[in-house]
Amino acid sequence: MCYSGKKMTAADIENLFGVEFSLAGSNRRRDETRIMGYWADYLMDCEEQNEGVSLEDILMFATGLRALPPAGMQPWPSIDFIYNSTFPLSNTCGNVIRLPVSGSYEQFKTSMDFGIQNSPGFGQP
């Protein structure tokens, strides 16, 4: 009832999170749309590689959970954007991940990897 043996995919994570965009037509919205493309690429990279950040690490960083609960989550996980930090931030009580607005995918990936790998994760190895 609480455990699913299904392997998590990049699509599972991408579909799990709602997105809090800025106003349509704004410069921030343009930047946020670009970052969402980086996010999708990052999730696929994490799914395909056997070392570094895993999809489970991303879920843990954003929600405090290692697996998707079959009954869903409350509150629903969401993505927000952070303009004044190089690294991602999260609020596990609110199930929010704040993605850094970076100039390139390489910067985004480096920042995400460092931020997630160096977060305490509730003492989990």
PDB file of N, CA and C in Angstrom:
ATOM      1  N   MET A   1       0.813  -1.192   0.000  1.00  0.00           N
ATOM      2  CA  MET A   1       0.000   0.000   0.000  1.00  0.00           C
ATOM      3  C   MET A   1       0.866   1.269   0.000  1.00  0.00           C
ATOM      4  N   CYS A   2       2.045   1.230   0.611  1.00  0.00           N
ATOM      5  CA  CYS A   2       2.903   2.411   0.679  1.00  0.00           C
ATOM      6  C   CYS A   2       4.119   2.311  -0.224  1.00  0.00           C
ATOM      7  N   TYR A   3       4.421   1.148  -0.774  1.00  0.00           N
ATOM      8  CA  TYR A   3       5.638   0.975  -1.552  1.00  0.00           C
ATOM      9  C   TYR A   3       5.296   0.555  -2.968  1.00  0.00           C
ATOM     10  N   SER A   4       5.983   1.146  -3.916  1.00  0.00           N
ATOM     11  CA  SER A   4       5.838   0.759  -5.311  1.00  0.00           C
ATOM     12  C   SER A   4       7.205   0.326  -5.817  1.00  0.00           C
ATOM     13  N   GLY A   5       7.284  -0.819  -6.464  1.00  0.00           N
ATOM     14  CA  GLY A   5       8.533  -1.329  -6.984  1.00  0.00           C
ATOM     15  C   GLY A   5       8.915  -0.705  -8.316  1.00  0.00           C
ATOM     16  N   LYS A   6       8.084   0.189  -8.854  1.00  0.00           N
ATOM     17  CA  LYS A   6       8.343   0.830 -10.137  1.00  0.00           C
ATOM     18  C   LYS A   6       9.539   1.772 -10.034  1.00  0.00           C
ATOM     19  N   LYS A   7      10.454   1.655 -10.984  1.00  0.00           N
ATOM     20  CA  LYS A   7      11.617   2.540 -11.016  1.00  0.00           C
ATOM     21  C   LYS A   7      11.172   3.935 -11.446  1.00  0.00           C
ATOM     22  N   MET A   8      11.658   4.941 -10.717  1.00  0.00           N
ATOM     23  CA  MET A   8      11.318   6.319 -11.005  1.00  0.00           C
ATOM     24  C   MET A   8      11.976   6.752 -12.321  1.00  0.00           C
ATOM     25  N   THR A   9      11.249   7.540 -13.109  1.00  0.00           N
ATOM     26  CA  THR A   9      11.774   8.050 -14.374  1.00  0.00           C
ATOM     27  C   THR A   9      11.820   9.579 -14.343  1.00  0.00           C
ATOM     28  N   ALA A  10      12.555  10.134 -15.305  1.00  0.00           N
ATOM     29  CA  ALA A  10      12.620  11.589 -15.433  1.00  0.00           C
ATOM     30  C   ALA A  10      11.224  12.158 -15.681  1.00  0.00           C
ATOM     31  N   ALA A  11      10.420  11.465 -16.467  1.00  0.00           N
ATOM     32  CA  ALA A  11       9.048  11.923 -16.737  1.00  0.00           C
ATOM     33  C   ALA A  11       8.213  11.942 -15.459  1.00  0.00           C
ATOM     34  N   ASP A  12       8.419  10.960 -14.568  1.00  0.00           N
ATOM     35  CA  ASP A  12       7.688  10.935 -13.295  1.00  0.00           C
ATOM     36  C   ASP A  12       7.971  12.202 -12.497  1.00  0.00           C
ATOM     37  N   ILE A  13       9.250  12.564 -12.404  1.00  0.00           N
ATOM     38  CA  ILE A  13       9.632  13.756 -11.643  1.00  0.00           C
ATOM     39  C   ILE A  13       9.128  15.012 -12.335  1.00  0.00           C
ATOM     40  N   GLU A  14       9.301  15.074 -13.642  1.00  0.00           N
ATOM     41  CA  GLU A  14       8.866  16.259 -14.387  1.00  0.00           C
ATOM     42  C   GLU A  14       7.366  16.485 -14.245  1.00  0.00           C
ATOM     43  N   ASN A  15       6.583  15.418 -14.300  1.00  0.00           N
ATOM     44  CA  ASN A  15       5.127  15.531 -14.197  1.00  0.00           C
ATOM     45  C   ASN A  15       4.640  15.763 -12.772  1.00  0.00           C
ATOM     46  N   LEU A  16       5.475  15.459 -11.797  1.00  0.00           N
ATOM     47  CA  LEU A  16       5.103  15.599 -10.394  1.00  0.00           C
ATOM     48  C   LEU A  16       5.001  17.057  -9.958  1.00  0.00           C
ATOM     49  N   PHE A  17       5.891  17.895 -10.499  1.00  0.00           N
ATOM     50  CA  PHE A  17       6.005  19.274 -10.042  1.00  0.00           C
ATOM     51  C   PHE A  17       5.196  20.236 -10.900  1.00  0.00           C
ATOM     52  N   GLY A  18       4.408  21.078 -10.224  1.00  0.00           N
ATOM     53  CA  GLY A  18       3.775  22.210 -10.886  1.00  0.00           C
ATOM     54  C   GLY A  18       4.797  23.336 -10.953  1.00  0.00           C
ATOM     55  N   VAL A  19       4.574  24.310 -11.811  1.00  0.00           N
ATOM     56  CA  VAL A  19       5.541  25.397 -11.989  1.00  0.00           C
ATOM     57  C   VAL A  19       4.882  26.732 -11.693  1.00  0.00           C
ATOM     58  N   GLU A  20       5.585  27.558 -10.925  1.00  0.00           N
ATOM     59  CA  GLU A  20       5.123  28.911 -10.603  1.00  0.00           C
ATOM     60  C   GLU A  20       5.886  29.896 -11.496  1.00  0.00           C
ATOM     61  N   PHE A  21       5.308  30.224 -12.662  1.00  0.00           N
ATOM     62  CA  PHE A  21       5.950  31.141 -13.603  1.00  0.00           C
ATOM     63  C   PHE A  21       5.622  32.594 -13.266  1.00  0.00           C
ATOM     64  N   SER A  22       6.504  33.493 -13.710  1.00  0.00           N
ATOM     65  CA  SER A  22       6.231  34.932 -13.667  1.00  0.00           C
ATOM     66  C   SER A  22       5.206  35.260 -14.753  1.00  0.00           C
ATOM     67  N   LEU A  23       4.799  36.525 -14.818  1.00  0.00           N
ATOM     68  CA  LEU A  23       3.796  36.950 -15.795  1.00  0.00           C
ATOM     69  C   LEU A  23       4.236  36.668 -17.224  1.00  0.00           C
ATOM     70  N   ALA A  24       3.293  36.203 -18.038  1.00  0.00           N
ATOM     71  CA  ALA A  24       3.568  35.939 -19.455  1.00  0.00           C
ATOM     72  C   ALA A  24       4.027  37.225 -20.130  1.00  0.00           C
ATOM     73  N   GLY A  25       5.032  37.118 -20.991  1.00  0.00           N
ATOM     74  CA  GLY A  25       5.559  38.256 -21.716  1.00  0.00           C
ATOM     75  C   GLY A  25       6.686  38.990 -21.008  1.00  0.00           C
ATOM     76  N   SER A  26       6.928  38.660 -19.739  1.00  0.00           N
ATOM     77  CA  SER A  26       7.989  39.331 -18.991  1.00  0.00           C
ATOM     78  C   SER A  26       9.346  38.697 -19.293  1.00  0.00           C
ATOM     79  N   ASN A  27      10.413  39.445 -19.002  1.00  0.00           N
ATOM     80  CA  ASN A  27      11.760  38.903 -19.171  1.00  0.00           C
ATOM     81  C   ASN A  27      11.982  37.709 -18.252  1.00  0.00           C
ATOM     82  N   ARG A  28      11.438  37.791 -17.041  1.00  0.00           N
ATOM     83  CA  ARG A  28      11.588  36.665 -16.108  1.00  0.00           C
ATOM     84  C   ARG A  28      10.930  35.411 -16.660  1.00  0.00           C
ATOM     85  N   ARG A  29       9.758  35.555 -17.259  1.00  0.00           N
ATOM     86  CA  ARG A  29       9.062  34.399 -17.833  1.00  0.00           C
ATOM     87  C   ARG A  29       9.911  33.761 -18.924  1.00  0.00           C
ATOM     88  N   ARG A  30      10.555  34.586 -19.749  1.00  0.00           N
ATOM     89  CA  ARG A  30      11.435  34.061 -20.800  1.00  0.00           C
ATOM     90  C   ARG A  30      12.575  33.249 -20.180  1.00  0.00           C
ATOM     91  N   ASP A  31      13.205  33.807 -19.126  1.00  0.00           N
ATOM     92  CA  ASP A  31      14.294  33.107 -18.441  1.00  0.00           C
ATOM     93  C   ASP A  31      13.793  31.817 -17.793  1.00  0.00           C
ATOM     94  N   GLU A  32      12.624  31.876 -17.178  1.00  0.00           N
ATOM     95  CA  GLU A  32      12.072  30.701 -16.490  1.00  0.00           C
ATOM     96  C   GLU A  32      11.724  29.585 -17.474  1.00  0.00           C
ATOM     97  N   THR A  33      11.253  29.964 -18.647  1.00  0.00           N
ATOM     98  CA  THR A  33      10.954  28.960 -19.677  1.00  0.00           C
ATOM     99  C   THR A  33      12.238  28.255 -20.118  1.00  0.00           C
ATOM    100  N   ARG A  34      13.314  29.020 -20.264  1.00  0.00           N
ATOM    101  CA  ARG A  34      14.620  28.441 -20.610  1.00  0.00           C
ATOM    102  C   ARG A  34      15.097  27.495 -19.508  1.00  0.00           C
ATOM    103  N   ILE A  35      14.946  27.911 -18.255  1.00  0.00           N
ATOM    104  CA  ILE A  35      15.363  27.075 -17.126  1.00  0.00           C
ATOM    105  C   ILE A  35      14.556  25.780 -17.078  1.00  0.00           C
ATOM    106  N   MET A  36      13.286  25.824 -17.442  1.00  0.00           N
ATOM    107  CA  MET A  36      12.491  24.590 -17.466  1.00  0.00           C
ATOM    108  C   MET A  36      13.007  23.623 -18.530  1.00  0.00           C
ATOM    109  N   GLY A  37      13.552  24.141 -19.620  1.00  0.00           N
ATOM    110  CA  GLY A  37      14.211  23.279 -20.606  1.00  0.00           C
ATOM    111  C   GLY A  37      15.451  22.646 -20.015  1.00  0.00           C
ATOM    112  N   TYR A  38      16.231  23.439 -19.262  1.00  0.00           N
ATOM    113  CA  TYR A  38      17.408  22.899 -18.570  1.00  0.00           C
ATOM    114  C   TYR A  38      16.985  21.832 -17.565  1.00  0.00           C
ATOM    115  N   TRP A  39      15.894  22.081 -16.835  1.00  0.00           N
ATOM    116  CA  TRP A  39      15.383  21.141 -15.829  1.00  0.00           C
ATOM    117  C   TRP A  39      15.048  19.797 -16.483  1.00  0.00           C
ATOM    118  N   ALA A  40      14.349  19.827 -17.615  1.00  0.00           N
ATOM    119  CA  ALA A  40      13.993  18.591 -18.316  1.00  0.00           C
ATOM    120  C   ALA A  40      15.251  17.841 -18.757  1.00  0.00           C
ATOM    121  N   ASP A  41      16.226  18.574 -19.300  1.00  0.00           N
ATOM    122  CA  ASP A  41      17.485  17.947 -19.719  1.00  0.00           C
ATOM    123  C   ASP A  41      18.227  17.372 -18.516  1.00  0.00           C
ATOM    124  N   TYR A  42      18.222  18.111 -17.411  1.00  0.00           N
ATOM    125  CA  TYR A  42      18.904  17.663 -16.191  1.00  0.00           C
ATOM    126  C   TYR A  42      18.286  16.363 -15.665  1.00  0.00           C
ATOM    127  N   LEU A  43      16.969  16.302 -15.658  1.00  0.00           N
ATOM    128  CA  LEU A  43      16.299  15.078 -15.193  1.00  0.00           C
ATOM    129  C   LEU A  43      16.664  13.888 -16.081  1.00  0.00           C
ATOM    130  N   MET A  44      16.702  14.108 -17.388  1.00  0.00           N
ATOM    131  CA  MET A  44      17.072  13.011 -18.295  1.00  0.00           C
ATOM    132  C   MET A  44      18.516  12.590 -18.070  1.00  0.00           C
ATOM    133  N   ASP A  45      19.415  13.558 -17.863  1.00  0.00           N
ATOM    134  CA  ASP A  45      20.810  13.227 -17.575  1.00  0.00           C
ATOM    135  C   ASP A  45      20.917  12.400 -16.293  1.00  0.00           C
ATOM    136  N   CYS A  46      20.175  12.789 -15.260  1.00  0.00           N
ATOM    137  CA  CYS A  46      20.210  12.058 -13.986  1.00  0.00           C
ATOM    138  C   CYS A  46      19.666  10.642 -14.134  1.00  0.00           C
ATOM    139  N   GLU A  47      18.653  10.478 -14.975  1.00  0.00           N
ATOM    140  CA  GLU A  47      18.079   9.151 -15.207  1.00  0.00           C
ATOM    141  C   GLU A  47      19.056   8.254 -15.957  1.00  0.00           C
ATOM    142  N   GLU A  48      19.800   8.807 -16.897  1.00  0.00           N
ATOM    143  CA  GLU A  48      20.668   8.017 -17.764  1.00  0.00           C
ATOM    144  C   GLU A  48      22.020   7.670 -17.157  1.00  0.00           C
ATOM    145  N   GLN A  49      22.531   8.489 -16.252  1.00  0.00           N
ATOM    146  CA  GLN A  49      23.867   8.225 -15.713  1.00  0.00           C
ATOM    147  C   GLN A  49      23.792   7.387 -14.443  1.00  0.00           C
ATOM    148  N   ASN A  50      24.850   6.629 -14.218  1.00  0.00           N
ATOM    149  CA  ASN A  50      24.892   5.729 -13.072  1.00  0.00           C
ATOM    150  C   ASN A  50      25.620   6.319 -11.877  1.00  0.00           C
ATOM    151  N   GLU A  51      26.186   7.509 -12.028  1.00  0.00           N
ATOM    152  CA  GLU A  51      26.889   8.142 -10.918  1.00  0.00           C
ATOM    153  C   GLU A  51      26.451   9.592 -10.818  1.00  0.00           C
ATOM    154  N   GLY A  52      26.740  10.207  -9.695  1.00  0.00           N
ATOM    155  CA  GLY A  52      26.319  11.592  -9.481  1.00  0.00           C
ATOM    156  C   GLY A  52      24.929  11.644  -8.874  1.00  0.00           C
ATOM    157  N   VAL A  53      24.192  12.671  -9.202  1.00  0.00           N
ATOM    158  CA  VAL A  53      22.855  12.883  -8.646  1.00  0.00           C
ATOM    159  C   VAL A  53      21.857  11.941  -9.314  1.00  0.00           C
ATOM    160  N   SER A  54      21.047  11.291  -8.492  1.00  0.00           N
ATOM    161  CA  SER A  54      20.004  10.399  -9.005  1.00  0.00           C
ATOM    162  C   SER A  54      18.644  11.097  -8.905  1.00  0.00           C
ATOM    163  N   LEU A  55      17.652  10.533  -9.568  1.00  0.00           N
ATOM    164  CA  LEU A  55      16.299  11.071  -9.459  1.00  0.00           C
ATOM    165  C   LEU A  55      15.800  10.994  -8.023  1.00  0.00           C
ATOM    166  N   GLU A  56      16.197   9.949  -7.318  1.00  0.00           N
ATOM    167  CA  GLU A  56      15.826   9.812  -5.905  1.00  0.00           C
ATOM    168  C   GLU A  56      16.457  10.921  -5.063  1.00  0.00           C
ATOM    169  N   ASP A  57      17.689  11.308  -5.404  1.00  0.00           N
ATOM    170  CA  ASP A  57      18.348  12.417  -4.704  1.00  0.00           C
ATOM    171  C   ASP A  57      17.581  13.721  -4.918  1.00  0.00           C
ATOM    172  N   ILE A  58      17.115  13.941  -6.140  1.00  0.00           N
ATOM    173  CA  ILE A  58      16.347  15.157  -6.448  1.00  0.00           C
ATOM    174  C   ILE A  58      15.046  15.169  -5.654  1.00  0.00           C
ATOM    175  N   LEU A  59      14.349  14.034  -5.637  1.00  0.00           N
ATOM    176  CA  LEU A  59      13.096  13.953  -4.888  1.00  0.00           C
ATOM    177  C   LEU A  59      13.343  14.180  -3.401  1.00  0.00           C
ATOM    178  N   MET A  60      14.401  13.599  -2.869  1.00  0.00           N
ATOM    179  CA  MET A  60      14.751  13.785  -1.457  1.00  0.00           C
ATOM    180  C   MET A  60      15.055  15.247  -1.165  1.00  0.00           C
ATOM    181  N   PHE A  61      15.814  15.884  -2.041  1.00  0.00           N
ATOM    182  CA  PHE A  61      16.173  17.286  -1.859  1.00  0.00           C
ATOM    183  C   PHE A  61      14.925  18.173  -1.827  1.00  0.00           C
ATOM    184  N   ALA A  62      13.983  17.909  -2.720  1.00  0.00           N
ATOM    185  CA  ALA A  62      12.800  18.766  -2.854  1.00  0.00           C
ATOM    186  C   ALA A  62      11.689  18.451  -1.858  1.00  0.00           C
ATOM    187  N   THR A  63      11.546  17.186  -1.473  1.00  0.00           N
ATOM    188  CA  THR A  63      10.383  16.798  -0.659  1.00  0.00           C
ATOM    189  C   THR A  63      10.726  16.082   0.641  1.00  0.00           C
ATOM    190  N   GLY A  64      11.956  15.600   0.778  1.00  0.00           N
ATOM    191  CA  GLY A  64      12.316  14.810   1.953  1.00  0.00           C
ATOM    192  C   GLY A  64      11.946  13.348   1.814  1.00  0.00           C
ATOM    193  N   LEU A  65      11.479  12.932   0.645  1.00  0.00           N
ATOM    194  CA  LEU A  65      11.080  11.540   0.397  1.00  0.00           C
ATOM    195  C   LEU A  65      12.019  10.895  -0.608  1.00  0.00           C
ATOM    196  N   ARG A  66      12.294   9.602  -0.431  1.00  0.00           N
ATOM    197  CA  ARG A  66      13.150   8.857  -1.368  1.00  0.00           C
ATOM    198  C   ARG A  66      12.353   8.192  -2.486  1.00  0.00           C
ATOM    199  N   ALA A  67      11.048   8.050  -2.302  1.00  0.00           N
ATOM    200  CA  ALA A  67      10.215   7.395  -3.311  1.00  0.00           C
ATOM    201  C   ALA A  67       8.881   8.130  -3.415  1.00  0.00           C
ATOM    202  N   LEU A  68       8.251   7.963  -4.568  1.00  0.00           N
ATOM    203  CA  LEU A  68       6.945   8.588  -4.775  1.00  0.00           C
ATOM    204  C   LEU A  68       5.884   7.812  -3.998  1.00  0.00           C
ATOM    205  N   PRO A  69       5.134   8.473  -3.115  1.00  0.00           N
ATOM    206  CA  PRO A  69       4.089   7.766  -2.385  1.00  0.00           C
ATOM    207  C   PRO A  69       2.908   7.454  -3.301  1.00  0.00           C
ATOM    208  N   PRO A  70       2.393   6.222  -3.258  1.00  0.00           N
ATOM    209  CA  PRO A  70       1.288   5.846  -4.135  1.00  0.00           C
ATOM    210  C   PRO A  70       0.036   6.706  -3.936  1.00  0.00           C
ATOM    211  N   ALA A  71      -0.164   7.224  -2.738  1.00  0.00           N
ATOM    212  CA  ALA A  71      -1.358   8.022  -2.453  1.00  0.00           C
ATOM    213  C   ALA A  71      -1.192   9.488  -2.832  1.00  0.00           C
ATOM    214  N   GLY A  72      -0.033   9.868  -3.354  1.00  0.00           N
ATOM    215  CA  GLY A  72       0.201  11.255  -3.727  1.00  0.00           C
ATOM    216  C   GLY A  72       0.787  12.058  -2.579  1.00  0.00           C
ATOM    217  N   MET A  73       0.961  13.342  -2.782  1.00  0.00           N
ATOM    218  CA  MET A  73       1.589  14.202  -1.777  1.00  0.00           C
ATOM    219  C   MET A  73       0.727  15.421  -1.505  1.00  0.00           C
ATOM    220  N   GLN A  74       0.815  15.895  -0.287  1.00  0.00           N
ATOM    221  CA  GLN A  74       0.169  17.140   0.119  1.00  0.00           C
ATOM    222  C   GLN A  74       1.175  17.958   0.886  1.00  0.00           C
ATOM    223  N   PRO A  75       1.451  19.184   0.545  1.00  0.00           N
ATOM    224  CA  PRO A  75       0.959  19.870  -0.650  1.00  0.00           C
ATOM    225  C   PRO A  75       1.621  19.336  -1.912  1.00  0.00           C
ATOM    226  N   TRP A  76       0.976  19.625  -3.032  1.00  0.00           N
ATOM    227  CA  TRP A  76       1.490  19.176  -4.317  1.00  0.00           C
ATOM    228  C   TRP A  76       2.853  19.828  -4.574  1.00  0.00           C
ATOM    229  N   PRO A  77       3.873  19.081  -4.977  1.00  0.00           N
ATOM    230  CA  PRO A  77       5.202  19.643  -5.218  1.00  0.00           C
ATOM    231  C   PRO A  77       5.190  20.722  -6.310  1.00  0.00           C
ATOM    232  N   SER A  78       6.023  21.743  -6.111  1.00  0.00           N
ATOM    233  CA  SER A  78       6.069  22.820  -7.097  1.00  0.00           C
ATOM    234  C   SER A  78       7.502  23.302  -7.313  1.00  0.00           C
ATOM    235  N   ILE A  79       7.675  23.967  -8.443  1.00  0.00           N
ATOM    236  CA  ILE A  79       8.951  24.564  -8.820  1.00  0.00           C
ATOM    237  C   ILE A  79       8.779  26.070  -8.804  1.00  0.00           C
ATOM    238  N   ASP A  80       9.743  26.724  -8.203  1.00  0.00           N
ATOM    239  CA  ASP A  80       9.829  28.177  -8.212  1.00  0.00           C
ATOM    240  C   ASP A  80      11.230  28.512  -8.713  1.00  0.00           C
ATOM    241  N   PHE A  81      11.520  29.759  -8.922  1.00  0.00           N
ATOM    242  CA  PHE A  81      12.813  30.165  -9.476  1.00  0.00           C
ATOM    243  C   PHE A  81      13.497  31.120  -8.518  1.00  0.00           C
ATOM    244  N   ILE A  82      14.818  31.018  -8.449  1.00  0.00           N
ATOM    245  CA  ILE A  82      15.593  31.884  -7.569  1.00  0.00           C
ATOM    246  C   ILE A  82      16.615  32.638  -8.413  1.00  0.00           C
ATOM    247  N   TYR A  83      16.574  33.943  -8.264  1.00  0.00           N
ATOM    248  CA  TYR A  83      17.435  34.818  -9.068  1.00  0.00           C
ATOM    249  C   TYR A  83      18.663  35.289  -8.301  1.00  0.00           C
ATOM    250  N   ASN A  84      18.669  35.149  -6.987  1.00  0.00           N
ATOM    251  CA  ASN A  84      19.772  35.696  -6.186  1.00  0.00           C
ATOM    252  C   ASN A  84      20.634  34.614  -5.544  1.00  0.00           C
ATOM    253  N   SER A  85      20.621  33.411  -6.110  1.00  0.00           N
ATOM    254  CA  SER A  85      21.457  32.329  -5.614  1.00  0.00           C
ATOM    255  C   SER A  85      21.962  31.503  -6.787  1.00  0.00           C
ATOM    256  N   THR A  86      23.181  31.037  -6.673  1.00  0.00           N
ATOM    257  CA  THR A  86      23.752  30.175  -7.705  1.00  0.00           C
ATOM    258  C   THR A  86      23.235  28.753  -7.572  1.00  0.00           C
ATOM    259  N   PHE A  87      22.799  28.381  -6.371  1.00  0.00           N
ATOM    260  CA  PHE A  87      22.439  26.998  -6.075  1.00  0.00           C
ATOM    261  C   PHE A  87      20.945  26.842  -5.832  1.00  0.00           C
ATOM    262  N   PRO A  88      20.432  25.624  -6.042  1.00  0.00           N
ATOM    263  CA  PRO A  88      19.013  25.390  -5.782  1.00  0.00           C
ATOM    264  C   PRO A  88      18.726  25.439  -4.283  1.00  0.00           C
ATOM    265  N   LEU A  89      17.512  25.769  -3.966  1.00  0.00           N
ATOM    266  CA  LEU A  89      17.030  25.749  -2.587  1.00  0.00           C
ATOM    267  C   LEU A  89      15.770  24.907  -2.549  1.00  0.00           C
ATOM    268  N   SER A  90      15.432  24.417  -1.368  1.00  0.00           N
ATOM    269  CA  SER A  90      14.186  23.670  -1.254  1.00  0.00           C
ATOM    270  C   SER A  90      13.528  23.942   0.084  1.00  0.00           C
ATOM    271  N   ASN A  91      12.253  23.690   0.115  1.00  0.00           N
ATOM    272  CA  ASN A  91      11.454  23.748   1.328  1.00  0.00           C
ATOM    273  C   ASN A  91      10.695  22.431   1.371  1.00  0.00           C
ATOM    274  N   THR A  92      11.199  21.481   2.149  1.00  0.00           N
ATOM    275  CA  THR A  92      10.597  20.151   2.159  1.00  0.00           C
ATOM    276  C   THR A  92       9.240  20.127   2.844  1.00  0.00           C
ATOM    277  N   CYS A  93       8.967  21.086   3.712  1.00  0.00           N
ATOM    278  CA  CYS A  93       7.633  21.149   4.331  1.00  0.00           C
ATOM    279  C   CYS A  93       6.584  21.552   3.298  1.00  0.00           C
ATOM    280  N   GLY A  94       6.967  22.438   2.388  1.00  0.00           N
ATOM    281  CA  GLY A  94       6.048  22.903   1.356  1.00  0.00           C
ATOM    282  C   GLY A  94       6.203  22.179   0.032  1.00  0.00           C
ATOM    283  N   ASN A  95       7.153  21.221  -0.031  1.00  0.00           N
ATOM    284  CA  ASN A  95       7.432  20.471  -1.267  1.00  0.00           C
ATOM    285  C   ASN A  95       7.746  21.412  -2.435  1.00  0.00           C
ATOM    286  N   VAL A  96       8.635  22.381  -2.168  1.00  0.00           N
ATOM    287  CA  VAL A  96       9.011  23.369  -3.185  1.00  0.00           C
ATOM    288  C   VAL A  96      10.507  23.267  -3.458  1.00  0.00           C
ATOM    289  N   ILE A  97      10.854  23.246  -4.737  1.00  0.00           N
ATOM    290  CA  ILE A  97      12.248  23.362  -5.140  1.00  0.00           C
ATOM    291  C   ILE A  97      12.379  24.671  -5.909  1.00  0.00           C
ATOM    292  N   ARG A  98      13.423  25.423  -5.564  1.00  0.00           N
ATOM    293  CA  ARG A  98      13.689  26.702  -6.238  1.00  0.00           C
ATOM    294  C   ARG A  98      14.919  26.515  -7.116  1.00  0.00           C
ATOM    295  N   LEU A  99      14.708  26.622  -8.428  1.00  0.00           N
ATOM    296  CA  LEU A  99      15.769  26.402  -9.392  1.00  0.00           C
ATOM    297  C   LEU A  99      16.525  27.699  -9.657  1.00  0.00           C
ATOM    298  N   PRO A 100      17.873  27.628  -9.703  1.00  0.00           N
ATOM    299  CA  PRO A 100      18.650  28.833  -9.997  1.00  0.00           C
ATOM    300  C   PRO A 100      18.501  29.220 -11.467  1.00  0.00           C
ATOM    301  N   VAL A 101      18.427  30.511 -11.709  1.00  0.00           N
ATOM    302  CA  VAL A 101      18.357  31.005 -13.080  1.00  0.00           C
ATOM    303  C   VAL A 101      19.800  31.193 -13.549  1.00  0.00           C
ATOM    304  N   SER A 102      20.234  30.286 -14.419  1.00  0.00           N
ATOM    305  CA  SER A 102      21.615  30.242 -14.910  1.00  0.00           C
ATOM    306  C   SER A 102      21.660  30.629 -16.374  1.00  0.00           C
ATOM    307  N   GLY A 103      22.842  31.049 -16.824  1.00  0.00           N
ATOM    308  CA  GLY A 103      23.014  31.478 -18.207  1.00  0.00           C
ATOM    309  C   GLY A 103      23.193  30.346 -19.204  1.00  0.00           C
ATOM    310  N   SER A 104      23.624  29.168 -18.733  1.00  0.00           N
ATOM    311  CA  SER A 104      23.844  28.040 -19.642  1.00  0.00           C
ATOM    312  C   SER A 104      23.472  26.733 -18.940  1.00  0.00           C
ATOM    313  N   TYR A 105      23.287  25.694 -19.747  1.00  0.00           N
ATOM    314  CA  TYR A 105      22.965  24.396 -19.156  1.00  0.00           C
ATOM    315  C   TYR A 105      24.114  23.890 -18.292  1.00  0.00           C
ATOM    316  N   GLU A 106      25.341  24.111 -18.724  1.00  0.00           N
ATOM    317  CA  GLU A 106      26.499  23.636 -17.964  1.00  0.00           C
ATOM    318  C   GLU A 106      26.529  24.273 -16.575  1.00  0.00           C
ATOM    319  N   GLN A 107      26.256  25.584 -16.491  1.00  0.00           N
ATOM    320  CA  GLN A 107      26.189  26.264 -15.190  1.00  0.00           C
ATOM    321  C   GLN A 107      25.061  25.699 -14.345  1.00  0.00           C
ATOM    322  N   PHE A 108      23.896  25.497 -14.981  1.00  0.00           N
ATOM    323  CA  PHE A 108      22.734  24.965 -14.277  1.00  0.00           C
ATOM    324  C   PHE A 108      23.046  23.586 -13.701  1.00  0.00           C
ATOM    325  N   LYS A 109      23.596  22.705 -14.518  1.00  0.00           N
ATOM    326  CA  LYS A 109      23.901  21.334 -14.086  1.00  0.00           C
ATOM    327  C   LYS A 109      24.922  21.335 -12.950  1.00  0.00           C
ATOM    328  N   THR A 110      25.970  22.128 -13.088  1.00  0.00           N
ATOM    329  CA  THR A 110      26.995  22.205 -12.048  1.00  0.00           C
ATOM    330  C   THR A 110      26.397  22.698 -10.735  1.00  0.00           C
ATOM    331  N   SER A 111      25.573  23.726 -10.802  1.00  0.00           N
ATOM    332  CA  SER A 111      24.930  24.274  -9.602  1.00  0.00           C
ATOM    333  C   SER A 111      23.979  23.269  -8.968  1.00  0.00           C
ATOM    334  N   MET A 112      23.191  22.603  -9.781  1.00  0.00           N
ATOM    335  CA  MET A 112      22.236  21.616  -9.259  1.00  0.00           C
ATOM    336  C   MET A 112      22.980  20.449  -8.612  1.00  0.00           C
ATOM    337  N   ASP A 113      23.981  19.924  -9.293  1.00  0.00           N
ATOM    338  CA  ASP A 113      24.752  18.807  -8.736  1.00  0.00           C
ATOM    339  C   ASP A 113      25.370  19.188  -7.396  1.00  0.00           C
ATOM    340  N   PHE A 114      26.036  20.340  -7.344  1.00  0.00           N
ATOM    341  CA  PHE A 114      26.692  20.762  -6.112  1.00  0.00           C
ATOM    342  C   PHE A 114      25.671  20.993  -4.993  1.00  0.00           C
ATOM    343  N   GLY A 115      24.590  21.690  -5.298  1.00  0.00           N
ATOM    344  CA  GLY A 115      23.585  21.985  -4.287  1.00  0.00           C
ATOM    345  C   GLY A 115      22.928  20.731  -3.720  1.00  0.00           C
ATOM    346  N   ILE A 116      22.581  19.801  -4.583  1.00  0.00           N
ATOM    347  CA  ILE A 116      21.907  18.579  -4.127  1.00  0.00           C
ATOM    348  C   ILE A 116      22.881  17.649  -3.405  1.00  0.00           C
ATOM    349  N   GLN A 117      24.073  17.489  -3.939  1.00  0.00           N
ATOM    350  CA  GLN A 117      25.049  16.592  -3.304  1.00  0.00           C
ATOM    351  C   GLN A 117      25.562  17.109  -1.971  1.00  0.00           C
ATOM    352  N   ASN A 118      25.465  18.394  -1.742  1.00  0.00           N
ATOM    353  CA  ASN A 118      25.974  18.962  -0.511  1.00  0.00           C
ATOM    354  C   ASN A 118      24.882  19.391   0.466  1.00  0.00           C
ATOM    355  N   SER A 119      23.665  18.932   0.234  1.00  0.00           N
ATOM    356  CA  SER A 119      22.579  19.209   1.180  1.00  0.00           C
ATOM    357  C   SER A 119      22.541  18.093   2.221  1.00  0.00           C
ATOM    358  N   PRO A 120      22.122  18.395   3.440  1.00  0.00           N
ATOM    359  CA  PRO A 120      22.171  17.393   4.511  1.00  0.00           C
ATOM    360  C   PRO A 120      21.214  16.226   4.334  1.00  0.00           C
ATOM    361  N   GLY A 121      20.061  16.395   3.688  1.00  0.00           N
ATOM    362  CA  GLY A 121      19.156  15.273   3.431  1.00  0.00           C
ATOM    363  C   GLY A 121      18.663  14.541   4.657  1.00  0.00           C
ATOM    364  N   PHE A 122      18.403  15.256   5.750  1.00  0.00           N
ATOM    365  CA  PHE A 122      17.860  14.654   6.958  1.00  0.00           C
ATOM    366  C   PHE A 122      18.750  13.543   7.507  1.00  0.00           C
ATOM    367  N   GLY A 123      20.057  13.657   7.274  1.00  0.00           N
ATOM    368  CA  GLY A 123      20.993  12.675   7.796  1.00  0.00           C
ATOM    369  C   GLY A 123      21.030  11.376   7.020  1.00  0.00           C
ATOM    370  N   GLN A 124      20.374  11.343   5.857  1.00  0.00           N
ATOM    371  CA  GLN A 124      20.363  10.128   5.043  1.00  0.00           C
ATOM    372  C   GLN A 124      21.679  10.025   4.267  1.00  0.00           C
ATOM    373  N   PRO A 125      22.228   8.844   4.107  1.00  0.00           N
ATOM    374  CA  PRO A 125      23.467   8.672   3.327  1.00  0.00           C
ATOM    375  C   PRO A 125      23.203   8.831   1.843  1.00  0.00           C
TER     376      PRO A 125
END
